[in-house]
Amino acid sequence: DGVATSLLIDAPNHGLSPWTGEFDYRAMGDAVAAELEQRGAAGKPVV
């Protein structure tokens, strides 16, 4: 706090995020990437 705004993401099949039919690391990365793109990460990359 003070140096970063933090986003805590529930992974697919966990918490309140949707369930999927298969497990795949790259697909999970794509899902998180899509979320970050919606939040402007293409113009302001994240930690």
ModelCIF file with pLDDT and N, C-alpha, C, O atoms, coordinates in Angstrom:
data_MODEL
#
_entry.id   MODEL 
#
_entity.id                         1 
_entity.type                       polymer 
_entity.pdbx_number_of_molecules   1 
#
_entity_poly.entity_id                      1 
_entity_poly.type                           'polypeptide(L)' 
_entity_poly.nstd_linkage                   no 
_entity_poly.nstd_monomer                   no 
_entity_poly.pdbx_seq_one_letter_code       DGVATSLLIDAPNHGLSPWTGEFDYRAMGDAVAAELEQRGAAGKPVV 
_entity_poly.pdbx_seq_one_letter_code_can   DGVATSLLIDAPNHGLSPWTGEFDYRAMGDAVAAELEQRGAAGKPVV 
_entity_poly.pdbx_strand_id                 A 
#
loop_
_entity_poly_seq.entity_id 
_entity_poly_seq.num 
_entity_poly_seq.mon_id 
_entity_poly_seq.hetero 
1 1  ASP n 
1 2  GLY n 
1 3  VAL n 
1 4  ALA n 
1 5  THR n 
1 6  SER n 
1 7  LEU n 
1 8  LEU n 
1 9  ILE n 
1 10 ASP n 
1 11 ALA n 
1 12 PRO n 
1 13 ASN n 
1 14 HIS n 
1 15 GLY n 
1 16 LEU n 
1 17 SER n 
1 18 PRO n 
1 19 TRP n 
1 20 THR n 
1 21 GLY n 
1 22 GLU n 
1 23 PHE n 
1 24 ASP n 
1 25 TYR n 
1 26 ARG n 
1 27 ALA n 
1 28 MET n 
1 29 GLY n 
1 30 ASP n 
1 31 ALA n 
1 32 VAL n 
1 33 ALA n 
1 34 ALA n 
1 35 GLU n 
1 36 LEU n 
1 37 GLU n 
1 38 GLN n 
1 39 ARG n 
1 40 GLY n 
1 41 ALA n 
1 42 ALA n 
1 43 GLY n 
1 44 LYS n 
1 45 PRO n 
1 46 VAL n 
1 47 VAL n 
#
_struct_asym.id          A 
_struct_asym.entity_id   1 
#
loop_
_ma_qa_metric.id 
_ma_qa_metric.mode 
_ma_qa_metric.name 
_ma_qa_metric.software_group_id 
_ma_qa_metric.type 
1 global pLDDT . pLDDT 
2 local  pLDDT . pLDDT 
#
_ma_qa_metric_global.metric_id      1 
_ma_qa_metric_global.metric_value   96.47 
_ma_qa_metric_global.model_id       1 
_ma_qa_metric_global.ordinal_id     1 
#
loop_
_ma_qa_metric_local.label_asym_id 
_ma_qa_metric_local.label_comp_id 
_ma_qa_metric_local.label_seq_id 
_ma_qa_metric_local.metric_id 
_ma_qa_metric_local.metric_value 
_ma_qa_metric_local.model_id 
_ma_qa_metric_local.ordinal_id 
A ASP 1  2 97.00 1 1  
A GLY 2  2 97.00 1 2  
A VAL 3  2 98.00 1 3  
A ALA 4  2 98.00 1 4  
A THR 5  2 98.00 1 5  
A SER 6  2 98.00 1 6  
A LEU 7  2 98.00 1 7  
A LEU 8  2 98.00 1 8  
A ILE 9  2 98.00 1 9  
A ASP 10 2 98.00 1 10 
A ALA 11 2 98.00 1 11 
A PRO 12 2 97.00 1 12 
A ASN 13 2 96.00 1 13 
A HIS 14 2 97.00 1 14 
A GLY 15 2 95.00 1 15 
A LEU 16 2 94.00 1 16 
A SER 17 2 95.00 1 17 
A PRO 18 2 94.00 1 18 
A TRP 19 2 94.00 1 19 
A THR 20 2 94.00 1 20 
A GLY 21 2 93.00 1 21 
A GLU 22 2 94.00 1 22 
A PHE 23 2 96.00 1 23 
A ASP 24 2 96.00 1 24 
A TYR 25 2 98.00 1 25 
A ARG 26 2 97.00 1 26 
A ALA 27 2 97.00 1 27 
A MET 28 2 97.00 1 28 
A GLY 29 2 98.00 1 29 
A ASP 30 2 97.00 1 30 
A ALA 31 2 97.00 1 31 
A VAL 32 2 98.00 1 32 
A ALA 33 2 98.00 1 33 
A ALA 34 2 97.00 1 34 
A GLU 35 2 96.00 1 35 
A LEU 36 2 97.00 1 36 
A GLU 37 2 97.00 1 37 
A GLN 38 2 95.00 1 38 
A ARG 39 2 95.00 1 39 
A GLY 40 2 94.00 1 40 
A ALA 41 2 95.00 1 41 
A ALA 42 2 93.00 1 42 
A GLY 43 2 96.00 1 43 
A LYS 44 2 97.00 1 44 
A PRO 45 2 98.00 1 45 
A VAL 46 2 98.00 1 46 
A VAL 47 2 98.00 1 47 
#
loop_
_atom_site.group_PDB 
_atom_site.id 
_atom_site.type_symbol 
_atom_site.label_atom_id 
_atom_site.label_alt_id 
_atom_site.label_comp_id 
_atom_site.label_asym_id 
_atom_site.label_entity_id 
_atom_site.label_seq_id 
_atom_site.pdbx_PDB_ins_code 
_atom_site.Cartn_x 
_atom_site.Cartn_y 
_atom_site.Cartn_z 
_atom_site.occupancy 
_atom_site.B_iso_or_equiv 
_atom_site.pdbx_formal_charge 
_atom_site.auth_seq_id 
_atom_site.auth_comp_id 
_atom_site.auth_asym_id 
_atom_site.auth_atom_id 
_atom_site.pdbx_PDB_model_num 
ATOM 1   N N  . ASP A 1 1  ? 0.838   -1.198  0.000   1.00 97.00 ? 1  ASP A N  1 
ATOM 2   C CA . ASP A 1 1  ? 0.000   0.000   0.000   1.00 97.00 ? 1  ASP A CA 1 
ATOM 3   C C  . ASP A 1 1  ? 0.876   1.252   0.000   1.00 97.00 ? 1  ASP A C  1 
ATOM 4   O O  . ASP A 1 1  ? 1.829   1.368   0.769   1.00 97.00 ? 1  ASP A O  1 
ATOM 5   N N  . GLY A 1 2  ? 0.530   2.164   -0.867  1.00 97.00 ? 2  GLY A N  1 
ATOM 6   C CA . GLY A 1 2  ? 1.315   3.390   -1.017  1.00 97.00 ? 2  GLY A CA 1 
ATOM 7   C C  . GLY A 1 2  ? 2.236   3.354   -2.215  1.00 97.00 ? 2  GLY A C  1 
ATOM 8   O O  . GLY A 1 2  ? 2.563   4.396   -2.781  1.00 97.00 ? 2  GLY A O  1 
ATOM 9   N N  . VAL A 1 3  ? 2.663   2.148   -2.611  1.00 98.00 ? 3  VAL A N  1 
ATOM 10  C CA . VAL A 1 3  ? 3.534   2.024   -3.782  1.00 98.00 ? 3  VAL A CA 1 
ATOM 11  C C  . VAL A 1 3  ? 2.842   1.270   -4.925  1.00 98.00 ? 3  VAL A C  1 
ATOM 12  O O  . VAL A 1 3  ? 3.277   1.343   -6.074  1.00 98.00 ? 3  VAL A O  1 
ATOM 13  N N  . ALA A 1 4  ? 1.756   0.541   -4.600  1.00 98.00 ? 4  ALA A N  1 
ATOM 14  C CA . ALA A 1 4  ? 1.066   -0.215  -5.643  1.00 98.00 ? 4  ALA A CA 1 
ATOM 15  C C  . ALA A 1 4  ? -0.401  -0.428  -5.289  1.00 98.00 ? 4  ALA A C  1 
ATOM 16  O O  . ALA A 1 4  ? -0.758  -0.588  -4.122  1.00 98.00 ? 4  ALA A O  1 
ATOM 17  N N  . THR A 1 5  ? -1.228  -0.428  -6.301  1.00 98.00 ? 5  THR A N  1 
ATOM 18  C CA . THR A 1 5  ? -2.599  -0.903  -6.195  1.00 98.00 ? 5  THR A CA 1 
ATOM 19  C C  . THR A 1 5  ? -2.569  -2.395  -6.508  1.00 98.00 ? 5  THR A C  1 
ATOM 20  O O  . THR A 1 5  ? -2.114  -2.790  -7.582  1.00 98.00 ? 5  THR A O  1 
ATOM 21  N N  . SER A 1 6  ? -3.040  -3.218  -5.597  1.00 98.00 ? 6  SER A N  1 
ATOM 22  C CA . SER A 1 6  ? -2.906  -4.666  -5.745  1.00 98.00 ? 6  SER A CA 1 
ATOM 23  C C  . SER A 1 6  ? -4.219  -5.308  -6.187  1.00 98.00 ? 6  SER A C  1 
ATOM 24  O O  . SER A 1 6  ? -5.289  -4.998  -5.664  1.00 98.00 ? 6  SER A O  1 
ATOM 25  N N  . LEU A 1 7  ? -4.111  -6.202  -7.156  1.00 98.00 ? 7  LEU A N  1 
ATOM 26  C CA . LEU A 1 7  ? -5.246  -6.983  -7.633  1.00 98.00 ? 7  LEU A CA 1 
ATOM 27  C C  . LEU A 1 7  ? -5.023  -8.433  -7.223  1.00 98.00 ? 7  LEU A C  1 
ATOM 28  O O  . LEU A 1 7  ? -4.048  -9.057  -7.644  1.00 98.00 ? 7  LEU A O  1 
ATOM 29  N N  . LEU A 1 8  ? -5.918  -8.967  -6.407  1.00 98.00 ? 8  LEU A N  1 
ATOM 30  C CA . LEU A 1 8  ? -5.849  -10.353 -5.952  1.00 98.00 ? 8  LEU A CA 1 
ATOM 31  C C  . LEU A 1 8  ? -6.851  -11.160 -6.767  1.00 98.00 ? 8  LEU A C  1 
ATOM 32  O O  . LEU A 1 8  ? -8.059  -10.960 -6.647  1.00 98.00 ? 8  LEU A O  1 
ATOM 33  N N  . ILE A 1 9  ? -6.350  -12.072 -7.592  1.00 98.00 ? 9  ILE A N  1 
ATOM 34  C CA . ILE A 1 9  ? -7.200  -12.770 -8.554  1.00 98.00 ? 9  ILE A CA 1 
ATOM 35  C C  . ILE A 1 9  ? -7.469  -14.204 -8.093  1.00 98.00 ? 9  ILE A C  1 
ATOM 36  O O  . ILE A 1 9  ? -6.549  -14.947 -7.752  1.00 98.00 ? 9  ILE A O  1 
ATOM 37  N N  . ASP A 1 10 ? -8.746  -14.569 -8.091  1.00 98.00 ? 10 ASP A N  1 
ATOM 38  C CA . ASP A 1 10 ? -9.103  -15.975 -7.889  1.00 98.00 ? 10 ASP A CA 1 
ATOM 39  C C  . ASP A 1 10 ? -8.857  -16.712 -9.199  1.00 98.00 ? 10 ASP A C  1 
ATOM 40  O O  . ASP A 1 10 ? -9.416  -16.343 -10.231 1.00 98.00 ? 10 ASP A O  1 
ATOM 41  N N  . ALA A 1 11 ? -8.032  -17.743 -9.168  1.00 98.00 ? 11 ALA A N  1 
ATOM 42  C CA . ALA A 1 11 ? -7.750  -18.525 -10.371 1.00 98.00 ? 11 ALA A CA 1 
ATOM 43  C C  . ALA A 1 11 ? -9.012  -19.249 -10.841 1.00 98.00 ? 11 ALA A C  1 
ATOM 44  O O  . ALA A 1 11 ? -9.919  -19.479 -10.042 1.00 98.00 ? 11 ALA A O  1 
ATOM 45  N N  . PRO A 1 12 ? -9.083  -19.609 -12.116 1.00 97.00 ? 12 PRO A N  1 
ATOM 46  C CA . PRO A 1 12 ? -10.180 -20.468 -12.558 1.00 97.00 ? 12 PRO A CA 1 
ATOM 47  C C  . PRO A 1 12 ? -10.258 -21.715 -11.670 1.00 97.00 ? 12 PRO A C  1 
ATOM 48  O O  . PRO A 1 12 ? -9.237  -22.269 -11.263 1.00 97.00 ? 12 PRO A O  1 
ATOM 49  N N  . ASN A 1 13 ? -11.492 -22.143 -11.379 1.00 96.00 ? 13 ASN A N  1 
ATOM 50  C CA . ASN A 1 13 ? -11.750 -23.323 -10.542 1.00 96.00 ? 13 ASN A CA 1 
ATOM 51  C C  . ASN A 1 13 ? -11.434 -23.108 -9.070  1.00 96.00 ? 13 ASN A C  1 
ATOM 52  O O  . ASN A 1 13 ? -11.341 -24.071 -8.309  1.00 96.00 ? 13 ASN A O  1 
ATOM 53  N N  . HIS A 1 14 ? -11.269 -21.871 -8.665  1.00 97.00 ? 14 HIS A N  1 
ATOM 54  C CA . HIS A 1 14 ? -10.986 -21.523 -7.278  1.00 97.00 ? 14 HIS A CA 1 
ATOM 55  C C  . HIS A 1 14 ? -11.806 -20.295 -6.872  1.00 97.00 ? 14 HIS A C  1 
ATOM 56  O O  . HIS A 1 14 ? -12.159 -19.467 -7.712  1.00 97.00 ? 14 HIS A O  1 
ATOM 57  N N  . GLY A 1 15 ? -12.102 -20.189 -5.579  1.00 95.00 ? 15 GLY A N  1 
ATOM 58  C CA . GLY A 1 15 ? -12.766 -19.003 -5.073  1.00 95.00 ? 15 GLY A CA 1 
ATOM 59  C C  . GLY A 1 15 ? -14.073 -18.728 -5.793  1.00 95.00 ? 15 GLY A C  1 
ATOM 60  O O  . GLY A 1 15 ? -14.919 -19.609 -5.946  1.00 95.00 ? 15 GLY A O  1 
ATOM 61  N N  . LEU A 1 16 ? -14.219 -17.466 -6.236  1.00 94.00 ? 16 LEU A N  1 
ATOM 62  C CA . LEU A 1 16 ? -15.441 -17.039 -6.913  1.00 94.00 ? 16 LEU A CA 1 
ATOM 63  C C  . LEU A 1 16 ? -15.270 -16.920 -8.421  1.00 94.00 ? 16 LEU A C  1 
ATOM 64  O O  . LEU A 1 16 ? -16.132 -16.363 -9.100  1.00 94.00 ? 16 LEU A O  1 
ATOM 65  N N  . SER A 1 17 ? -14.167 -17.437 -8.949  1.00 95.00 ? 17 SER A N  1 
ATOM 66  C CA . SER A 1 17 ? -13.979 -17.420 -10.404 1.00 95.00 ? 17 SER A CA 1 
ATOM 67  C C  . SER A 1 17 ? -14.673 -18.628 -11.036 1.00 95.00 ? 17 SER A C  1 
ATOM 68  O O  . SER A 1 17 ? -14.940 -19.619 -10.356 1.00 95.00 ? 17 SER A O  1 
ATOM 69  N N  . PRO A 1 18 ? -14.965 -18.545 -12.334 1.00 94.00 ? 18 PRO A N  1 
ATOM 70  C CA . PRO A 1 18 ? -15.691 -19.633 -13.006 1.00 94.00 ? 18 PRO A CA 1 
ATOM 71  C C  . PRO A 1 18 ? -14.915 -20.942 -13.028 1.00 94.00 ? 18 PRO A C  1 
ATOM 72  O O  . PRO A 1 18 ? -13.688 -20.965 -12.928 1.00 94.00 ? 18 PRO A O  1 
ATOM 73  N N  . TRP A 1 19 ? -15.657 -22.013 -13.159 1.00 94.00 ? 19 TRP A N  1 
ATOM 74  C CA . TRP A 1 19 ? -15.071 -23.338 -13.330 1.00 94.00 ? 19 TRP A CA 1 
ATOM 75  C C  . TRP A 1 19 ? -14.885 -23.632 -14.810 1.00 94.00 ? 19 TRP A C  1 
ATOM 76  O O  . TRP A 1 19 ? -15.607 -23.099 -15.653 1.00 94.00 ? 19 TRP A O  1 
ATOM 77  N N  . THR A 1 20 ? -13.923 -24.476 -15.116 1.00 94.00 ? 20 THR A N  1 
ATOM 78  C CA . THR A 1 20 ? -13.635 -24.854 -16.497 1.00 94.00 ? 20 THR A CA 1 
ATOM 79  C C  . THR A 1 20 ? -13.702 -26.368 -16.643 1.00 94.00 ? 20 THR A C  1 
ATOM 80  O O  . THR A 1 20 ? -13.789 -27.093 -15.653 1.00 94.00 ? 20 THR A O  1 
ATOM 81  N N  . GLY A 1 21 ? -13.660 -26.838 -17.887 1.00 93.00 ? 21 GLY A N  1 
ATOM 82  C CA . GLY A 1 21 ? -13.731 -28.268 -18.134 1.00 93.00 ? 21 GLY A CA 1 
ATOM 83  C C  . GLY A 1 21 ? -12.383 -28.957 -18.100 1.00 93.00 ? 21 GLY A C  1 
ATOM 84  O O  . GLY A 1 21 ? -12.308 -30.177 -17.953 1.00 93.00 ? 21 GLY A O  1 
ATOM 85  N N  . GLU A 1 22 ? -11.303 -28.171 -18.238 1.00 94.00 ? 22 GLU A N  1 
ATOM 86  C CA . GLU A 1 22 ? -9.951  -28.728 -18.273 1.00 94.00 ? 22 GLU A CA 1 
ATOM 87  C C  . GLU A 1 22 ? -9.008  -27.833 -17.487 1.00 94.00 ? 22 GLU A C  1 
ATOM 88  O O  . GLU A 1 22 ? -9.321  -26.679 -17.195 1.00 94.00 ? 22 GLU A O  1 
ATOM 89  N N  . PHE A 1 23 ? -7.837  -28.390 -17.145 1.00 96.00 ? 23 PHE A N  1 
ATOM 90  C CA . PHE A 1 23 ? -6.794  -27.605 -16.483 1.00 96.00 ? 23 PHE A CA 1 
ATOM 91  C C  . PHE A 1 23 ? -5.649  -27.408 -17.451 1.00 96.00 ? 23 PHE A C  1 
ATOM 92  O O  . PHE A 1 23 ? -5.146  -28.372 -18.029 1.00 96.00 ? 23 PHE A O  1 
ATOM 93  N N  . ASP A 1 24 ? -5.228  -26.151 -17.635 1.00 96.00 ? 24 ASP A N  1 
ATOM 94  C CA . ASP A 1 24 ? -4.147  -25.844 -18.568 1.00 96.00 ? 24 ASP A CA 1 
ATOM 95  C C  . ASP A 1 24 ? -3.485  -24.548 -18.120 1.00 96.00 ? 24 ASP A C  1 
ATOM 96  O O  . ASP A 1 24 ? -4.143  -23.511 -18.029 1.00 96.00 ? 24 ASP A O  1 
ATOM 97  N N  . TYR A 1 25 ? -2.179  -24.604 -17.839 1.00 98.00 ? 25 TYR A N  1 
ATOM 98  C CA . TYR A 1 25 ? -1.486  -23.415 -17.343 1.00 98.00 ? 25 TYR A CA 1 
ATOM 99  C C  . TYR A 1 25 ? -1.536  -22.258 -18.335 1.00 98.00 ? 25 TYR A C  1 
ATOM 100 O O  . TYR A 1 25 ? -1.755  -21.114 -17.938 1.00 98.00 ? 25 TYR A O  1 
ATOM 101 N N  . ARG A 1 26 ? -1.339  -22.538 -19.598 1.00 97.00 ? 26 ARG A N  1 
ATOM 102 C CA . ARG A 1 26 ? -1.318  -21.446 -20.568 1.00 97.00 ? 26 ARG A CA 1 
ATOM 103 C C  . ARG A 1 26 ? -2.711  -20.835 -20.740 1.00 97.00 ? 26 ARG A C  1 
ATOM 104 O O  . ARG A 1 26 ? -2.841  -19.627 -20.936 1.00 97.00 ? 26 ARG A O  1 
ATOM 105 N N  . ALA A 1 27 ? -3.745  -21.667 -20.668 1.00 97.00 ? 27 ALA A N  1 
ATOM 106 C CA . ALA A 1 27 ? -5.109  -21.147 -20.733 1.00 97.00 ? 27 ALA A CA 1 
ATOM 107 C C  . ALA A 1 27 ? -5.414  -20.287 -19.504 1.00 97.00 ? 27 ALA A C  1 
ATOM 108 O O  . ALA A 1 27 ? -6.096  -19.267 -19.611 1.00 97.00 ? 27 ALA A O  1 
ATOM 109 N N  . MET A 1 28 ? -4.910  -20.698 -18.341 1.00 97.00 ? 28 MET A N  1 
ATOM 110 C CA . MET A 1 28 ? -5.086  -19.885 -17.140 1.00 97.00 ? 28 MET A CA 1 
ATOM 111 C C  . MET A 1 28 ? -4.367  -18.553 -17.293 1.00 97.00 ? 28 MET A C  1 
ATOM 112 O O  . MET A 1 28 ? -4.894  -17.507 -16.913 1.00 97.00 ? 28 MET A O  1 
ATOM 113 N N  . GLY A 1 29 ? -3.142  -18.598 -17.859 1.00 98.00 ? 29 GLY A N  1 
ATOM 114 C CA . GLY A 1 29 ? -2.415  -17.363 -18.111 1.00 98.00 ? 29 GLY A CA 1 
ATOM 115 C C  . GLY A 1 29 ? -3.164  -16.463 -19.070 1.00 98.00 ? 29 GLY A C  1 
ATOM 116 O O  . GLY A 1 29 ? -3.189  -15.245 -18.895 1.00 98.00 ? 29 GLY A O  1 
ATOM 117 N N  . ASP A 1 30 ? -3.774  -17.055 -20.082 1.00 97.00 ? 30 ASP A N  1 
ATOM 118 C CA . ASP A 1 30 ? -4.566  -16.275 -21.045 1.00 97.00 ? 30 ASP A CA 1 
ATOM 119 C C  . ASP A 1 30 ? -5.765  -15.617 -20.371 1.00 97.00 ? 30 ASP A C  1 
ATOM 120 O O  . ASP A 1 30 ? -6.101  -14.471 -20.669 1.00 97.00 ? 30 ASP A O  1 
ATOM 121 N N  . ALA A 1 31 ? -6.408  -16.348 -19.460 1.00 97.00 ? 31 ALA A N  1 
ATOM 122 C CA . ALA A 1 31 ? -7.576  -15.799 -18.763 1.00 97.00 ? 31 ALA A CA 1 
ATOM 123 C C  . ALA A 1 31 ? -7.186  -14.606 -17.899 1.00 97.00 ? 31 ALA A C  1 
ATOM 124 O O  . ALA A 1 31 ? -7.883  -13.592 -17.873 1.00 97.00 ? 31 ALA A O  1 
ATOM 125 N N  . VAL A 1 32 ? -6.061  -14.737 -17.190 1.00 98.00 ? 32 VAL A N  1 
ATOM 126 C CA . VAL A 1 32 ? -5.590  -13.606 -16.388 1.00 98.00 ? 32 VAL A CA 1 
ATOM 127 C C  . VAL A 1 32 ? -5.173  -12.452 -17.290 1.00 98.00 ? 32 VAL A C  1 
ATOM 128 O O  . VAL A 1 32 ? -5.449  -11.292 -16.983 1.00 98.00 ? 32 VAL A O  1 
ATOM 129 N N  . ALA A 1 33 ? -4.511  -12.762 -18.400 1.00 98.00 ? 33 ALA A N  1 
ATOM 130 C CA . ALA A 1 33 ? -4.091  -11.721 -19.341 1.00 98.00 ? 33 ALA A CA 1 
ATOM 131 C C  . ALA A 1 33 ? -5.291  -10.945 -19.866 1.00 98.00 ? 33 ALA A C  1 
ATOM 132 O O  . ALA A 1 33 ? -5.232  -9.721  -19.982 1.00 98.00 ? 33 ALA A O  1 
ATOM 133 N N  . ALA A 1 34 ? -6.372  -11.636 -20.182 1.00 97.00 ? 34 ALA A N  1 
ATOM 134 C CA . ALA A 1 34 ? -7.577  -10.962 -20.674 1.00 97.00 ? 34 ALA A CA 1 
ATOM 135 C C  . ALA A 1 34 ? -8.135  -10.009 -19.619 1.00 97.00 ? 34 ALA A C  1 
ATOM 136 O O  . ALA A 1 34 ? -8.586  -8.909  -19.937 1.00 97.00 ? 34 ALA A O  1 
ATOM 137 N N  . GLU A 1 35 ? -8.097  -10.447 -18.361 1.00 96.00 ? 35 GLU A N  1 
ATOM 138 C CA . GLU A 1 35 ? -8.549  -9.587  -17.260 1.00 96.00 ? 35 GLU A CA 1 
ATOM 139 C C  . GLU A 1 35 ? -7.664  -8.349  -17.156 1.00 96.00 ? 35 GLU A C  1 
ATOM 140 O O  . GLU A 1 35 ? -8.160  -7.238  -16.968 1.00 96.00 ? 35 GLU A O  1 
ATOM 141 N N  . LEU A 1 36 ? -6.347  -8.546  -17.280 1.00 97.00 ? 36 LEU A N  1 
ATOM 142 C CA . LEU A 1 36 ? -5.422  -7.419  -17.163 1.00 97.00 ? 36 LEU A CA 1 
ATOM 143 C C  . LEU A 1 36 ? -5.546  -6.463  -18.351 1.00 97.00 ? 36 LEU A C  1 
ATOM 144 O O  . LEU A 1 36 ? -5.426  -5.248  -18.188 1.00 97.00 ? 36 LEU A O  1 
ATOM 145 N N  . GLU A 1 37 ? -5.782  -7.006  -19.530 1.00 97.00 ? 37 GLU A N  1 
ATOM 146 C CA . GLU A 1 37 ? -5.973  -6.144  -20.702 1.00 97.00 ? 37 GLU A CA 1 
ATOM 147 C C  . GLU A 1 37 ? -7.186  -5.242  -20.518 1.00 97.00 ? 37 GLU A C  1 
ATOM 148 O O  . GLU A 1 37 ? -7.154  -4.068  -20.888 1.00 97.00 ? 37 GLU A O  1 
ATOM 149 N N  . GLN A 1 38 ? -8.256  -5.789  -19.946 1.00 95.00 ? 38 GLN A N  1 
ATOM 150 C CA . GLN A 1 38 ? -9.451  -4.986  -19.671 1.00 95.00 ? 38 GLN A CA 1 
ATOM 151 C C  . GLN A 1 38 ? -9.138  -3.847  -18.713 1.00 95.00 ? 38 GLN A C  1 
ATOM 152 O O  . GLN A 1 38 ? -9.794  -2.805  -18.736 1.00 95.00 ? 38 GLN A O  1 
ATOM 153 N N  . ARG A 1 39 ? -8.140  -4.052  -17.876 1.00 95.00 ? 39 ARG A N  1 
ATOM 154 C CA . ARG A 1 39 ? -7.792  -3.060  -16.863 1.00 95.00 ? 39 ARG A CA 1 
ATOM 155 C C  . ARG A 1 39 ? -6.629  -2.165  -17.295 1.00 95.00 ? 39 ARG A C  1 
ATOM 156 O O  . ARG A 1 39 ? -6.086  -1.417  -16.482 1.00 95.00 ? 39 ARG A O  1 
ATOM 157 N N  . GLY A 1 40 ? -6.248  -2.239  -18.564 1.00 94.00 ? 40 GLY A N  1 
ATOM 158 C CA . GLY A 1 40 ? -5.277  -1.299  -19.107 1.00 94.00 ? 40 GLY A CA 1 
ATOM 159 C C  . GLY A 1 40 ? -3.834  -1.707  -19.033 1.00 94.00 ? 40 GLY A C  1 
ATOM 160 O O  . GLY A 1 40 ? -2.953  -0.858  -19.170 1.00 94.00 ? 40 GLY A O  1 
ATOM 161 N N  . ALA A 1 41 ? -3.551  -2.998  -18.817 1.00 95.00 ? 41 ALA A N  1 
ATOM 162 C CA . ALA A 1 41 ? -2.163  -3.423  -18.662 1.00 95.00 ? 41 ALA A CA 1 
ATOM 163 C C  . ALA A 1 41 ? -1.354  -3.293  -19.944 1.00 95.00 ? 41 ALA A C  1 
ATOM 164 O O  . ALA A 1 41 ? -0.126  -3.219  -19.890 1.00 95.00 ? 41 ALA A O  1 
ATOM 165 N N  . ALA A 1 42 ? -2.020  -3.263  -21.100 1.00 93.00 ? 42 ALA A N  1 
ATOM 166 C CA . ALA A 1 42 ? -1.282  -3.106  -22.358 1.00 93.00 ? 42 ALA A CA 1 
ATOM 167 C C  . ALA A 1 42 ? -0.585  -1.751  -22.402 1.00 93.00 ? 42 ALA A C  1 
ATOM 168 O O  . ALA A 1 42 ? 0.483   -1.620  -22.999 1.00 93.00 ? 42 ALA A O  1 
ATOM 169 N N  . GLY A 1 43 ? -1.186  -0.745  -21.772 1.00 96.00 ? 43 GLY A N  1 
ATOM 170 C CA . GLY A 1 43 ? -0.575  0.579   -21.731 1.00 96.00 ? 43 GLY A CA 1 
ATOM 171 C C  . GLY A 1 43 ? 0.243   0.816   -20.487 1.00 96.00 ? 43 GLY A C  1 
ATOM 172 O O  . GLY A 1 43 ? 1.121   1.679   -20.474 1.00 96.00 ? 43 GLY A O  1 
ATOM 173 N N  . LYS A 1 44 ? -0.032  0.068   -19.448 1.00 97.00 ? 44 LYS A N  1 
ATOM 174 C CA . LYS A 1 44 ? 0.685   0.210   -18.177 1.00 97.00 ? 44 LYS A CA 1 
ATOM 175 C C  . LYS A 1 44 ? 0.940   -1.188  -17.620 1.00 97.00 ? 44 LYS A C  1 
ATOM 176 O O  . LYS A 1 44 ? 0.126   -1.709  -16.858 1.00 97.00 ? 44 LYS A O  1 
ATOM 177 N N  . PRO A 1 45 ? 2.071   -1.802  -17.996 1.00 98.00 ? 45 PRO A N  1 
ATOM 178 C CA . PRO A 1 45 ? 2.362   -3.177  -17.565 1.00 98.00 ? 45 PRO A CA 1 
ATOM 179 C C  . PRO A 1 45 ? 2.410   -3.317  -16.043 1.00 98.00 ? 45 PRO A C  1 
ATOM 180 O O  . PRO A 1 45 ? 2.650   -2.347  -15.325 1.00 98.00 ? 45 PRO A O  1 
ATOM 181 N N  . VAL A 1 46 ? 2.179   -4.526  -15.570 1.00 98.00 ? 46 VAL A N  1 
ATOM 182 C CA . VAL A 1 46 ? 2.012   -4.787  -14.140 1.00 98.00 ? 46 VAL A CA 1 
ATOM 183 C C  . VAL A 1 46 ? 3.230   -5.483  -13.546 1.00 98.00 ? 46 VAL A C  1 
ATOM 184 O O  . VAL A 1 46 ? 4.091   -5.996  -14.260 1.00 98.00 ? 46 VAL A O  1 
ATOM 185 N N  . VAL A 1 47 ? 3.272   -5.483  -12.218 1.00 98.00 ? 47 VAL A N  1 
ATOM 186 C CA . VAL A 1 47 ? 4.187   -6.346  -11.472 1.00 98.00 ? 47 VAL A CA 1 
ATOM 187 C C  . VAL A 1 47 ? 3.398   -7.612  -11.149 1.00 98.00 ? 47 VAL A C  1 
ATOM 188 O O  . VAL A 1 47 ? 3.928   -8.526  -10.518 1.00 98.00 ? 47 VAL A O  1 
#
